[in-house]
N, C-alpha and C. Protein backbone atom coordinates (compact mmCIF):
# COMPACT_ATOMS: atom_id res chain seq x y z
N MET A 1 -79.89 10.15 -139.58
CA MET A 1 -80.97 10.39 -140.47
C MET A 1 -81.13 11.89 -140.70
N THR A 2 -81.21 12.26 -141.96
CA THR A 2 -81.36 13.67 -142.33
C THR A 2 -82.82 14.08 -142.29
N THR A 3 -83.04 15.25 -141.73
CA THR A 3 -84.40 15.79 -141.64
C THR A 3 -84.81 16.26 -143.03
N PRO A 4 -85.93 15.85 -143.53
CA PRO A 4 -86.37 16.28 -144.87
C PRO A 4 -86.71 17.77 -144.83
N ALA A 5 -86.42 18.44 -145.93
CA ALA A 5 -86.70 19.85 -146.05
C ALA A 5 -88.20 20.08 -146.25
N LEU A 6 -88.67 21.11 -145.67
CA LEU A 6 -90.08 21.55 -145.83
C LEU A 6 -90.11 22.59 -146.92
N PRO A 7 -91.14 22.62 -147.78
CA PRO A 7 -91.15 23.64 -148.84
C PRO A 7 -90.94 25.07 -148.35
N GLU A 8 -91.67 25.45 -147.28
CA GLU A 8 -91.55 26.79 -146.77
C GLU A 8 -90.17 27.08 -146.18
N ALA A 9 -89.56 26.05 -145.63
CA ALA A 9 -88.23 26.16 -145.07
C ALA A 9 -87.21 26.33 -146.16
N GLU A 10 -87.35 25.61 -147.26
CA GLU A 10 -86.44 25.77 -148.41
C GLU A 10 -86.51 27.15 -148.98
N ILE A 11 -87.74 27.69 -149.12
CA ILE A 11 -87.91 29.07 -149.65
C ILE A 11 -87.26 30.08 -148.72
N PHE A 12 -87.51 29.93 -147.45
CA PHE A 12 -86.93 30.86 -146.50
C PHE A 12 -85.40 30.71 -146.46
N GLY A 13 -84.89 29.51 -146.47
CA GLY A 13 -83.46 29.26 -146.46
C GLY A 13 -82.73 29.89 -147.62
N THR A 14 -83.30 29.81 -148.82
CA THR A 14 -82.73 30.42 -149.98
C THR A 14 -82.64 31.94 -149.79
N ARG A 15 -83.70 32.51 -149.26
CA ARG A 15 -83.73 33.97 -149.05
C ARG A 15 -82.73 34.36 -148.00
N LEU A 16 -82.61 33.59 -146.91
CA LEU A 16 -81.68 33.87 -145.86
C LEU A 16 -80.25 33.85 -146.37
N LYS A 17 -79.93 32.86 -147.17
CA LYS A 17 -78.56 32.76 -147.72
C LYS A 17 -78.27 33.95 -148.64
N GLU A 18 -79.26 34.31 -149.44
CA GLU A 18 -79.13 35.44 -150.33
C GLU A 18 -78.79 36.73 -149.57
N LEU A 19 -79.56 36.98 -148.50
CA LEU A 19 -79.30 38.20 -147.69
C LEU A 19 -77.99 38.11 -146.94
N ARG A 20 -77.65 36.93 -146.44
CA ARG A 20 -76.38 36.77 -145.74
C ARG A 20 -75.21 37.06 -146.64
N GLU A 21 -75.23 36.47 -147.83
CA GLU A 21 -74.12 36.68 -148.79
C GLU A 21 -74.05 38.11 -149.26
N LYS A 22 -75.22 38.76 -149.43
CA LYS A 22 -75.24 40.17 -149.86
C LYS A 22 -74.59 41.04 -148.83
N ARG A 23 -74.70 40.66 -147.54
CA ARG A 23 -74.08 41.43 -146.45
C ARG A 23 -72.61 41.02 -146.23
N GLY A 24 -72.17 40.01 -146.95
CA GLY A 24 -70.78 39.58 -146.81
C GLY A 24 -70.52 38.78 -145.57
N GLU A 25 -71.56 38.19 -145.01
CA GLU A 25 -71.39 37.38 -143.77
C GLU A 25 -71.21 35.92 -144.14
N THR A 26 -70.52 35.22 -143.28
CA THR A 26 -70.42 33.78 -143.39
C THR A 26 -71.48 33.14 -142.51
N VAL A 27 -71.67 31.85 -142.67
CA VAL A 27 -72.60 31.18 -141.76
C VAL A 27 -72.16 31.33 -140.32
N ARG A 28 -70.83 31.21 -140.10
CA ARG A 28 -70.28 31.33 -138.74
C ARG A 28 -70.48 32.75 -138.17
N SER A 29 -70.20 33.74 -139.01
CA SER A 29 -70.36 35.14 -138.50
C SER A 29 -71.81 35.43 -138.18
N LEU A 30 -72.74 34.94 -139.03
CA LEU A 30 -74.14 35.18 -138.73
C LEU A 30 -74.59 34.43 -137.49
N ALA A 31 -74.04 33.25 -137.27
CA ALA A 31 -74.35 32.52 -136.04
C ALA A 31 -73.90 33.32 -134.83
N THR A 32 -72.71 33.89 -134.93
CA THR A 32 -72.20 34.71 -133.81
C THR A 32 -73.08 35.93 -133.56
N LEU A 33 -73.42 36.60 -134.66
CA LEU A 33 -74.26 37.84 -134.56
C LEU A 33 -75.64 37.52 -133.99
N THR A 34 -76.17 36.38 -134.24
CA THR A 34 -77.53 36.02 -133.77
C THR A 34 -77.47 35.20 -132.47
N GLU A 35 -76.26 34.97 -132.00
CA GLU A 35 -76.08 34.17 -130.78
C GLU A 35 -76.70 32.78 -130.86
N THR A 36 -76.48 32.16 -131.96
CA THR A 36 -76.97 30.79 -132.19
C THR A 36 -75.82 29.93 -132.73
N SER A 37 -76.07 28.75 -133.13
CA SER A 37 -75.02 27.86 -133.61
C SER A 37 -74.86 27.91 -135.13
N PHE A 38 -73.68 27.58 -135.59
CA PHE A 38 -73.41 27.43 -136.99
C PHE A 38 -74.38 26.41 -137.61
N THR A 39 -74.61 25.32 -136.88
CA THR A 39 -75.50 24.26 -137.38
C THR A 39 -76.92 24.76 -137.58
N TYR A 40 -77.39 25.60 -136.67
CA TYR A 40 -78.79 26.10 -136.77
C TYR A 40 -78.91 26.99 -138.00
N ILE A 41 -77.95 27.88 -138.23
CA ILE A 41 -77.97 28.75 -139.44
C ILE A 41 -77.91 27.88 -140.68
N SER A 42 -77.01 26.93 -140.69
CA SER A 42 -76.88 26.02 -141.83
C SER A 42 -78.18 25.25 -142.08
N ASP A 43 -78.80 24.77 -141.02
CA ASP A 43 -80.06 24.01 -141.14
C ASP A 43 -81.16 24.90 -141.71
N MET A 44 -81.19 26.16 -141.29
CA MET A 44 -82.21 27.05 -141.86
C MET A 44 -81.97 27.27 -143.35
N GLU A 45 -80.70 27.49 -143.71
CA GLU A 45 -80.39 27.73 -145.11
C GLU A 45 -80.67 26.53 -145.98
N HIS A 46 -80.59 25.37 -145.42
CA HIS A 46 -80.82 24.15 -146.21
C HIS A 46 -82.24 23.62 -146.07
N GLY A 47 -83.13 24.42 -145.45
CA GLY A 47 -84.53 24.05 -145.36
C GLY A 47 -84.84 22.97 -144.34
N ARG A 48 -83.97 22.74 -143.40
CA ARG A 48 -84.22 21.71 -142.38
C ARG A 48 -84.85 22.28 -141.12
N LYS A 49 -84.71 23.59 -140.92
CA LYS A 49 -85.24 24.29 -139.74
C LYS A 49 -86.01 25.52 -140.19
N VAL A 50 -87.06 25.86 -139.43
CA VAL A 50 -87.83 27.07 -139.67
C VAL A 50 -87.60 27.94 -138.44
N PRO A 51 -87.25 29.21 -138.64
CA PRO A 51 -86.98 30.07 -137.47
C PRO A 51 -88.20 30.48 -136.71
N SER A 52 -88.01 30.71 -135.41
CA SER A 52 -89.07 31.27 -134.57
C SER A 52 -89.13 32.79 -134.85
N LEU A 53 -90.18 33.42 -134.28
CA LEU A 53 -90.27 34.89 -134.44
C LEU A 53 -89.08 35.57 -133.80
N SER A 54 -88.67 35.08 -132.65
CA SER A 54 -87.50 35.64 -132.02
C SER A 54 -86.27 35.55 -132.85
N MET A 55 -86.08 34.42 -133.52
CA MET A 55 -84.92 34.28 -134.41
C MET A 55 -85.04 35.14 -135.64
N LEU A 56 -86.25 35.31 -136.19
CA LEU A 56 -86.45 36.23 -137.31
C LEU A 56 -86.01 37.64 -136.92
N LEU A 57 -86.36 38.06 -135.72
CA LEU A 57 -85.96 39.39 -135.24
C LEU A 57 -84.45 39.49 -135.13
N ARG A 58 -83.83 38.45 -134.58
CA ARG A 58 -82.35 38.44 -134.45
C ARG A 58 -81.68 38.42 -135.81
N LEU A 59 -82.21 37.68 -136.75
CA LEU A 59 -81.64 37.64 -138.11
C LEU A 59 -81.73 39.02 -138.78
N ALA A 60 -82.90 39.63 -138.65
CA ALA A 60 -83.10 40.94 -139.27
C ALA A 60 -82.11 41.96 -138.65
N ALA A 61 -81.96 41.93 -137.37
CA ALA A 61 -81.02 42.85 -136.71
C ALA A 61 -79.58 42.57 -137.18
N ALA A 62 -79.22 41.32 -137.24
CA ALA A 62 -77.84 40.95 -137.65
C ALA A 62 -77.58 41.30 -139.10
N LEU A 63 -78.59 41.15 -139.95
CA LEU A 63 -78.41 41.43 -141.37
C LEU A 63 -78.75 42.87 -141.73
N GLU A 64 -79.13 43.64 -140.70
CA GLU A 64 -79.51 45.04 -140.87
C GLU A 64 -80.53 45.19 -141.98
N CYS A 65 -81.61 44.45 -141.81
CA CYS A 65 -82.74 44.53 -142.77
C CYS A 65 -84.02 44.48 -141.96
N LYS A 66 -85.11 44.67 -142.65
CA LYS A 66 -86.43 44.59 -142.03
C LYS A 66 -86.84 43.11 -142.00
N VAL A 67 -87.67 42.75 -141.03
CA VAL A 67 -88.17 41.38 -141.00
C VAL A 67 -88.89 41.07 -142.30
N THR A 68 -89.60 42.06 -142.86
CA THR A 68 -90.32 41.80 -144.10
C THR A 68 -89.37 41.48 -145.24
N ASP A 69 -88.13 41.96 -145.17
CA ASP A 69 -87.16 41.57 -146.22
C ASP A 69 -86.85 40.08 -146.18
N LEU A 70 -86.92 39.49 -145.00
CA LEU A 70 -86.67 38.06 -144.84
C LEU A 70 -87.84 37.23 -145.35
N VAL A 71 -89.07 37.75 -145.20
CA VAL A 71 -90.23 36.91 -145.51
C VAL A 71 -91.04 37.31 -146.75
N LYS A 72 -90.71 38.45 -147.34
CA LYS A 72 -91.50 38.88 -148.48
C LYS A 72 -91.39 37.92 -149.65
N VAL A 73 -90.44 37.05 -149.66
CA VAL A 73 -90.29 36.02 -150.69
C VAL A 73 -91.52 35.15 -150.78
N PHE A 74 -92.29 35.08 -149.73
CA PHE A 74 -93.48 34.24 -149.72
C PHE A 74 -94.68 34.93 -150.46
N ASN A 75 -94.52 36.19 -150.77
CA ASN A 75 -95.59 36.87 -151.55
C ASN A 75 -95.76 36.28 -152.90
N ASP A 76 -94.75 35.61 -153.44
CA ASP A 76 -94.79 35.03 -154.78
C ASP A 76 -95.28 33.56 -154.79
N HIS A 77 -95.75 33.09 -153.65
CA HIS A 77 -96.13 31.70 -153.53
C HIS A 77 -97.59 31.55 -153.07
N ASP A 78 -98.20 30.42 -153.43
CA ASP A 78 -99.53 30.12 -152.93
C ASP A 78 -99.36 29.57 -151.51
N LEU A 79 -99.70 30.39 -150.51
CA LEU A 79 -99.49 29.98 -149.12
C LEU A 79 -100.30 28.78 -148.73
N ARG A 80 -101.45 28.60 -149.35
CA ARG A 80 -102.28 27.43 -148.98
C ARG A 80 -101.57 26.12 -149.29
N THR A 81 -100.81 26.08 -150.35
CA THR A 81 -100.08 24.84 -150.67
C THR A 81 -98.88 24.64 -149.73
N LEU A 82 -98.34 25.78 -149.27
CA LEU A 82 -97.17 25.65 -148.39
C LEU A 82 -97.55 25.21 -146.95
N VAL A 83 -98.74 25.54 -146.55
CA VAL A 83 -99.12 25.26 -145.13
C VAL A 83 -100.16 24.15 -145.04
N ARG A 84 -100.27 23.35 -146.10
CA ARG A 84 -101.20 22.24 -146.08
C ARG A 84 -100.90 21.32 -144.91
N LYS A 85 -101.91 20.61 -144.49
CA LYS A 85 -101.74 19.73 -143.29
C LYS A 85 -100.71 18.63 -143.63
N ARG A 86 -99.87 18.42 -142.66
CA ARG A 86 -98.84 17.35 -142.80
C ARG A 86 -99.24 16.15 -141.94
N ARG A 87 -99.01 14.96 -142.47
CA ARG A 87 -99.35 13.78 -141.70
C ARG A 87 -98.11 13.06 -141.29
């Protein structure tokens, strides 16, 4: 069974992929740099997983960017609709 994508996870995943490709990294190389699995990076990029703060820090270090570069994409969205209660 495939885990359904969450709206905020899809937005983050698109941004992560954009930054990864801009740096010329593959999913595998980013997984190595962040000391996580290929599957976890892939799941984040496809909106199936949301990173922890610790992972955000590791991603920023690996991609040589600021944490805000990873999350500023949310500035263009209505956060109330993204974090609505899930049942």
